[in-house]
């Protein structure tokens, strides 16, 4: 399981950190079979959700 973020340009400026403006993004959490490379489960969330928070729900989805 891994995740990656994708910037969404139409969400605008989210916050400033050390004077740097940061735009928001969405996050894809993906579970992949390492032998076949097949995607087993995917979840799309906001940027503030951690990988650990989505791990159990993705594993649960794969098991059924």
PDB file of N, CA and C in Angstrom:
ATOM      1  N   UNK A   1       0.833  -1.167   0.000  1.00  0.00           N
ATOM      2  CA  UNK A   1       0.000   0.000   0.000  1.00  0.00           C
ATOM      3  C   UNK A   1       0.879   1.232   0.000  1.00  0.00           C
ATOM      4  N   UNK A   2       0.445   2.211  -0.781  1.00  0.00           N
ATOM      5  CA  UNK A   2       1.168   3.474  -0.862  1.00  0.00           C
ATOM      6  C   UNK A   2       0.168   4.564  -1.211  1.00  0.00           C
ATOM      7  N   UNK A   3       0.612   5.794  -1.161  1.00  0.00           N
ATOM      8  CA  UNK A   3      -0.271   6.887  -1.551  1.00  0.00           C
ATOM      9  C   UNK A   3       0.533   7.929  -2.298  1.00  0.00           C
ATOM     10  N   UNK A   4      -0.175   8.748  -3.054  1.00  0.00           N
ATOM     11  CA  UNK A   4       0.435   9.857  -3.759  1.00  0.00           C
ATOM     12  C   UNK A   4      -0.557  11.001  -3.795  1.00  0.00           C
ATOM     13  N   UNK A   5      -0.061  12.209  -3.919  1.00  0.00           N
ATOM     14  CA  UNK A   5      -0.925  13.385  -3.966  1.00  0.00           C
ATOM     15  C   UNK A   5      -0.919  14.009  -5.341  1.00  0.00           C
ATOM     16  N   UNK A   6      -2.032  14.594  -5.715  1.00  0.00           N
ATOM     17  CA  UNK A   6      -2.154  15.283  -6.994  1.00  0.00           C
ATOM     18  C   UNK A   6      -2.687  16.684  -6.713  1.00  0.00           C
ATOM     19  N   UNK A   7      -1.965  17.689  -7.226  1.00  0.00           N
ATOM     20  CA  UNK A   7      -2.400  19.066  -7.027  1.00  0.00           C
ATOM     21  C   UNK A   7      -3.675  19.318  -7.819  1.00  0.00           C
ATOM     22  N   UNK A   8      -4.545  20.078  -7.215  1.00  0.00           N
ATOM     23  CA  UNK A   8      -5.785  20.468  -7.872  1.00  0.00           C
ATOM     24  C   UNK A   8      -5.758  21.989  -7.971  1.00  0.00           C
ATOM     25  N   UNK A   9      -5.550  22.505  -9.163  1.00  0.00           N
ATOM     26  CA  UNK A   9      -5.318  23.936  -9.322  1.00  0.00           C
ATOM     27  C   UNK A   9      -6.524  24.796  -9.001  1.00  0.00           C
ATOM     28  N   UNK A  10      -7.736  24.295  -9.161  1.00  0.00           N
ATOM     29  CA  UNK A  10      -8.898  25.141  -8.924  1.00  0.00           C
ATOM     30  C   UNK A  10      -9.302  25.241  -7.456  1.00  0.00           C
ATOM     31  N   UNK A  11      -8.569  24.615  -6.538  1.00  0.00           N
ATOM     32  CA  UNK A  11      -8.895  24.726  -5.111  1.00  0.00           C
ATOM     33  C   UNK A  11      -8.315  25.996  -4.500  1.00  0.00           C
ATOM     34  N   UNK A  12      -7.406  26.653  -5.186  1.00  0.00           N
ATOM     35  CA  UNK A  12      -6.867  27.925  -4.703  1.00  0.00           C
ATOM     36  C   UNK A  12      -5.799  27.754  -3.640  1.00  0.00           C
ATOM     37  N   UNK A  13      -5.414  28.853  -3.053  1.00  0.00           N
ATOM     38  CA  UNK A  13      -4.357  28.861  -2.047  1.00  0.00           C
ATOM     39  C   UNK A  13      -4.933  28.429  -0.713  1.00  0.00           C
ATOM     40  N   UNK A  14      -4.331  27.435  -0.108  1.00  0.00           N
ATOM     41  CA  UNK A  14      -4.842  26.829   1.122  1.00  0.00           C
ATOM     42  C   UNK A  14      -4.288  27.529   2.363  1.00  0.00           C
ATOM     43  N   UNK A  15      -2.987  27.712   2.419  1.00  0.00           N
ATOM     44  CA  UNK A  15      -2.388  28.285   3.629  1.00  0.00           C
ATOM     45  C   UNK A  15      -1.003  28.814   3.306  1.00  0.00           C
ATOM     46  N   UNK A  16      -0.446  29.555   4.241  1.00  0.00           N
ATOM     47  CA  UNK A  16       0.929  30.035   4.101  1.00  0.00           C
ATOM     48  C   UNK A  16       1.790  29.354   5.153  1.00  0.00           C
ATOM     49  N   UNK A  17       2.983  28.923   4.754  1.00  0.00           N
ATOM     50  CA  UNK A  17       3.937  28.311   5.685  1.00  0.00           C
ATOM     51  C   UNK A  17       5.285  28.944   5.415  1.00  0.00           C
ATOM     52  N   UNK A  18       5.821  29.660   6.384  1.00  0.00           N
ATOM     53  CA  UNK A  18       7.067  30.414   6.227  1.00  0.00           C
ATOM     54  C   UNK A  18       7.018  31.337   5.017  1.00  0.00           C
ATOM     55  N   UNK A  19       5.865  31.948   4.789  1.00  0.00           N
ATOM     56  CA  UNK A  19       5.730  32.881   3.683  1.00  0.00           C
ATOM     57  C   UNK A  19       5.493  32.235   2.332  1.00  0.00           C
ATOM     58  N   UNK A  20       5.454  30.900   2.294  1.00  0.00           N
ATOM     59  CA  UNK A  20       5.241  30.185   1.032  1.00  0.00           C
ATOM     60  C   UNK A  20       3.762  29.831   0.920  1.00  0.00           C
ATOM     61  N   UNK A  21       3.168  30.176  -0.202  1.00  0.00           N
ATOM     62  CA  UNK A  21       1.769  29.836  -0.423  1.00  0.00           C
ATOM     63  C   UNK A  21       1.694  28.394  -0.906  1.00  0.00           C
ATOM     64  N   UNK A  22       0.754  27.618  -0.338  1.00  0.00           N
ATOM     65  CA  UNK A  22       0.622  26.207  -0.674  1.00  0.00           C
ATOM     66  C   UNK A  22      -0.785  25.957  -1.198  1.00  0.00           C
ATOM     67  N   UNK A  23      -0.873  25.265  -2.325  1.00  0.00           N
ATOM     68  CA  UNK A  23      -2.175  24.906  -2.871  1.00  0.00           C
ATOM     69  C   UNK A  23      -2.581  23.538  -2.344  1.00  0.00           C
ATOM     70  N   UNK A  24      -3.876  23.285  -2.256  1.00  0.00           N
ATOM     71  CA  UNK A  24      -4.384  22.013  -1.775  1.00  0.00           C
ATOM     72  C   UNK A  24      -4.206  20.909  -2.807  1.00  0.00           C
ATOM     73  N   UNK A  25      -4.362  19.672  -2.366  1.00  0.00           N
ATOM     74  CA  UNK A  25      -4.284  18.540  -3.272  1.00  0.00           C
ATOM     75  C   UNK A  25      -5.159  17.410  -2.760  1.00  0.00           C
ATOM     76  N   UNK A  26      -5.417  16.448  -3.638  1.00  0.00           N
ATOM     77  CA  UNK A  26      -6.140  15.244  -3.237  1.00  0.00           C
ATOM     78  C   UNK A  26      -5.140  14.106  -3.168  1.00  0.00           C
ATOM     79  N   UNK A  27      -5.471  13.080  -2.413  1.00  0.00           N
ATOM     80  CA  UNK A  27      -4.545  11.988  -2.159  1.00  0.00           C
ATOM     81  C   UNK A  27      -5.175  10.663  -2.577  1.00  0.00           C
ATOM     82  N   UNK A  28      -4.423   9.850  -3.303  1.00  0.00           N
ATOM     83  CA  UNK A  28      -4.850   8.520  -3.701  1.00  0.00           C
ATOM     84  C   UNK A  28      -4.122   7.493  -2.842  1.00  0.00           C
ATOM     85  N   UNK A  29      -4.855   6.634  -2.142  1.00  0.00           N
ATOM     86  CA  UNK A  29      -4.296   5.535  -1.361  1.00  0.00           C
ATOM     87  C   UNK A  29      -4.556   4.276  -2.189  1.00  0.00           C
ATOM     88  N   UNK A  30      -3.503   3.556  -2.529  1.00  0.00           N
ATOM     89  CA  UNK A  30      -3.633   2.432  -3.461  1.00  0.00           C
ATOM     90  C   UNK A  30      -3.017   1.172  -2.862  1.00  0.00           C
ATOM     91  N   UNK A  31      -3.752   0.055  -2.944  1.00  0.00           N
ATOM     92  CA  UNK A  31      -3.234  -1.261  -2.548  1.00  0.00           C
ATOM     93  C   UNK A  31      -3.017  -2.064  -3.825  1.00  0.00           C
ATOM     94  N   UNK A  32      -1.803  -2.578  -4.020  1.00  0.00           N
ATOM     95  CA  UNK A  32      -1.423  -3.279  -5.244  1.00  0.00           C
ATOM     96  C   UNK A  32      -0.845  -4.647  -4.903  1.00  0.00           C
ATOM     97  N   UNK A  33      -1.195  -5.659  -5.701  1.00  0.00           N
ATOM     98  CA  UNK A  33      -0.587  -6.985  -5.583  1.00  0.00           C
ATOM     99  C   UNK A  33       0.815  -6.889  -6.169  1.00  0.00           C
ATOM    100  N   UNK A  34       1.836  -7.121  -5.353  1.00  0.00           N
ATOM    101  CA  UNK A  34       3.219  -6.945  -5.800  1.00  0.00           C
ATOM    102  C   UNK A  34       3.661  -7.990  -6.817  1.00  0.00           C
ATOM    103  N   UNK A  35       3.011  -9.141  -6.828  1.00  0.00           N
ATOM    104  CA  UNK A  35       3.376 -10.172  -7.813  1.00  0.00           C
ATOM    105  C   UNK A  35       2.816  -9.872  -9.194  1.00  0.00           C
ATOM    106  N   UNK A  36       1.566  -9.445  -9.250  1.00  0.00           N
ATOM    107  CA  UNK A  36       0.910  -9.241 -10.549  1.00  0.00           C
ATOM    108  C   UNK A  36       0.877  -7.779 -10.988  1.00  0.00           C
ATOM    109  N   UNK A  37       1.037  -6.846 -10.046  1.00  0.00           N
ATOM    110  CA  UNK A  37       0.945  -5.429 -10.359  1.00  0.00           C
ATOM    111  C   UNK A  37      -0.497  -4.949 -10.481  1.00  0.00           C
ATOM    112  N   UNK A  38      -1.451  -5.804 -10.152  1.00  0.00           N
ATOM    113  CA  UNK A  38      -2.865  -5.475 -10.245  1.00  0.00           C
ATOM    114  C   UNK A  38      -3.292  -4.589  -9.071  1.00  0.00           C
ATOM    115  N   UNK A  39      -4.080  -3.551  -9.364  1.00  0.00           N
ATOM    116  CA  UNK A  39      -4.624  -2.691  -8.312  1.00  0.00           C
ATOM    117  C   UNK A  39      -5.767  -3.430  -7.631  1.00  0.00           C
ATOM    118  N   UNK A  40      -5.661  -3.592  -6.325  1.00  0.00           N
ATOM    119  CA  UNK A  40      -6.661  -4.320  -5.555  1.00  0.00           C
ATOM    120  C   UNK A  40      -7.706  -3.403  -4.938  1.00  0.00           C
ATOM    121  N   UNK A  41      -7.302  -2.211  -4.516  1.00  0.00           N
ATOM    122  CA  UNK A  41      -8.224  -1.255  -3.907  1.00  0.00           C
ATOM    123  C   UNK A  41      -7.636   0.147  -4.039  1.00  0.00           C
ATOM    124  N   UNK A  42      -8.511   1.117  -4.131  1.00  0.00           N
ATOM    125  CA  UNK A  42      -8.078   2.514  -4.230  1.00  0.00           C
ATOM    126  C   UNK A  42      -9.062   3.385  -3.456  1.00  0.00           C
ATOM    127  N   UNK A  43      -8.531   4.435  -2.837  1.00  0.00           N
ATOM    128  CA  UNK A  43      -9.353   5.351  -2.064  1.00  0.00           C
ATOM    129  C   UNK A  43      -8.841   6.763  -2.322  1.00  0.00           C
ATOM    130  N   UNK A  44      -9.729   7.711  -2.516  1.00  0.00           N
ATOM    131  CA  UNK A  44      -9.361   9.107  -2.751  1.00  0.00           C
ATOM    132  C   UNK A  44      -9.819   9.928  -1.555  1.00  0.00           C
ATOM    133  N   UNK A  45      -8.885  10.704  -0.977  1.00  0.00           N
ATOM    134  CA  UNK A  45      -9.182  11.498   0.209  1.00  0.00           C
ATOM    135  C   UNK A  45      -8.598  12.903   0.075  1.00  0.00           C
ATOM    136  N   UNK A  46      -8.870  13.726   1.075  1.00  0.00           N
ATOM    137  CA  UNK A  46      -8.232  15.034   1.163  1.00  0.00           C
ATOM    138  C   UNK A  46      -6.793  14.844   1.630  1.00  0.00           C
ATOM    139  N   UNK A  47      -5.996  15.897   1.538  1.00  0.00           N
ATOM    140  CA  UNK A  47      -4.561  15.797   1.851  1.00  0.00           C
ATOM    141  C   UNK A  47      -4.266  15.560   3.321  1.00  0.00           C
ATOM    142  N   UNK A  48      -5.209  15.795   4.216  1.00  0.00           N
ATOM    143  CA  UNK A  48      -4.913  15.706   5.647  1.00  0.00           C
ATOM    144  C   UNK A  48      -5.075  14.305   6.237  1.00  0.00           C
ATOM    145  N   UNK A  49      -5.456  13.301   5.447  1.00  0.00           N
ATOM    146  CA  UNK A  49      -5.612  11.936   5.953  1.00  0.00           C
ATOM    147  C   UNK A  49      -4.309  11.149   5.754  1.00  0.00           C
ATOM    148  N   UNK A  50      -3.871  10.455   6.788  1.00  0.00           N
ATOM    149  CA  UNK A  50      -2.612   9.716   6.709  1.00  0.00           C
ATOM    150  C   UNK A  50      -2.805   8.351   6.053  1.00  0.00           C
ATOM    151  N   UNK A  51      -1.704   7.753   5.626  1.00  0.00           N
ATOM    152  CA  UNK A  51      -1.746   6.406   5.043  1.00  0.00           C
ATOM    153  C   UNK A  51      -2.271   5.394   6.060  1.00  0.00           C
ATOM    154  N   UNK A  52      -1.835   5.523   7.298  1.00  0.00           N
ATOM    155  CA  UNK A  52      -2.258   4.599   8.342  1.00  0.00           C
ATOM    156  C   UNK A  52      -3.753   4.629   8.596  1.00  0.00           C
ATOM    157  N   UNK A  53      -4.351   5.792   8.438  1.00  0.00           N
ATOM    158  CA  UNK A  53      -5.794   5.918   8.651  1.00  0.00           C
ATOM    159  C   UNK A  53      -6.594   5.178   7.585  1.00  0.00           C
ATOM    160  N   UNK A  54      -6.043   4.995   6.399  1.00  0.00           N
ATOM    161  CA  UNK A  54      -6.746   4.325   5.307  1.00  0.00           C
ATOM    162  C   UNK A  54      -6.297   2.883   5.110  1.00  0.00           C
ATOM    163  N   UNK A  55      -5.267   2.425   5.809  1.00  0.00           N
ATOM    164  CA  UNK A  55      -4.736   1.067   5.615  1.00  0.00           C
ATOM    165  C   UNK A  55      -5.763  -0.012   5.946  1.00  0.00           C
ATOM    166  N   UNK A  56      -6.364   0.040   7.107  1.00  0.00           N
ATOM    167  CA  UNK A  56      -7.329  -0.989   7.527  1.00  0.00           C
ATOM    168  C   UNK A  56      -8.547  -1.036   6.602  1.00  0.00           C
ATOM    169  N   UNK A  57      -9.160   0.108   6.255  1.00  0.00           N
ATOM    170  CA  UNK A  57     -10.292   0.043   5.326  1.00  0.00           C
ATOM    171  C   UNK A  57      -9.934  -0.561   3.962  1.00  0.00           C
ATOM    172  N   UNK A  58      -8.737  -0.275   3.453  1.00  0.00           N
ATOM    173  CA  UNK A  58      -8.324  -0.860   2.168  1.00  0.00           C
ATOM    174  C   UNK A  58      -8.115  -2.368   2.294  1.00  0.00           C
ATOM    175  N   UNK A  59      -7.476  -2.801   3.361  1.00  0.00           N
ATOM    176  CA  UNK A  59      -7.257  -4.234   3.593  1.00  0.00           C
ATOM    177  C   UNK A  59      -8.592  -4.944   3.758  1.00  0.00           C
ATOM    178  N   UNK A  60      -9.514  -4.336   4.470  1.00  0.00           N
ATOM    179  CA  UNK A  60     -10.837  -4.908   4.677  1.00  0.00           C
ATOM    180  C   UNK A  60     -11.554  -5.089   3.337  1.00  0.00           C
ATOM    181  N   UNK A  61     -11.448  -4.092   2.459  1.00  0.00           N
ATOM    182  CA  UNK A  61     -12.078  -4.152   1.142  1.00  0.00           C
ATOM    183  C   UNK A  61     -11.498  -5.287   0.281  1.00  0.00           C
ATOM    184  N   UNK A  62     -10.200  -5.517   0.401  1.00  0.00           N
ATOM    185  CA  UNK A  62      -9.538  -6.568  -0.378  1.00  0.00           C
ATOM    186  C   UNK A  62      -9.968  -7.956   0.096  1.00  0.00           C
ATOM    187  N   UNK A  63     -10.185  -8.100   1.385  1.00  0.00           N
ATOM    188  CA  UNK A  63     -10.449  -9.417   1.956  1.00  0.00           C
ATOM    189  C   UNK A  63     -11.845  -9.960   1.618  1.00  0.00           C
ATOM    190  N   UNK A  64     -12.733  -9.131   1.072  1.00  0.00           N
ATOM    191  CA  UNK A  64     -14.079  -9.604   0.746  1.00  0.00           C
ATOM    192  C   UNK A  64     -14.331  -9.579  -0.720  1.00  0.00           C
TER     193      UNK A  64
END
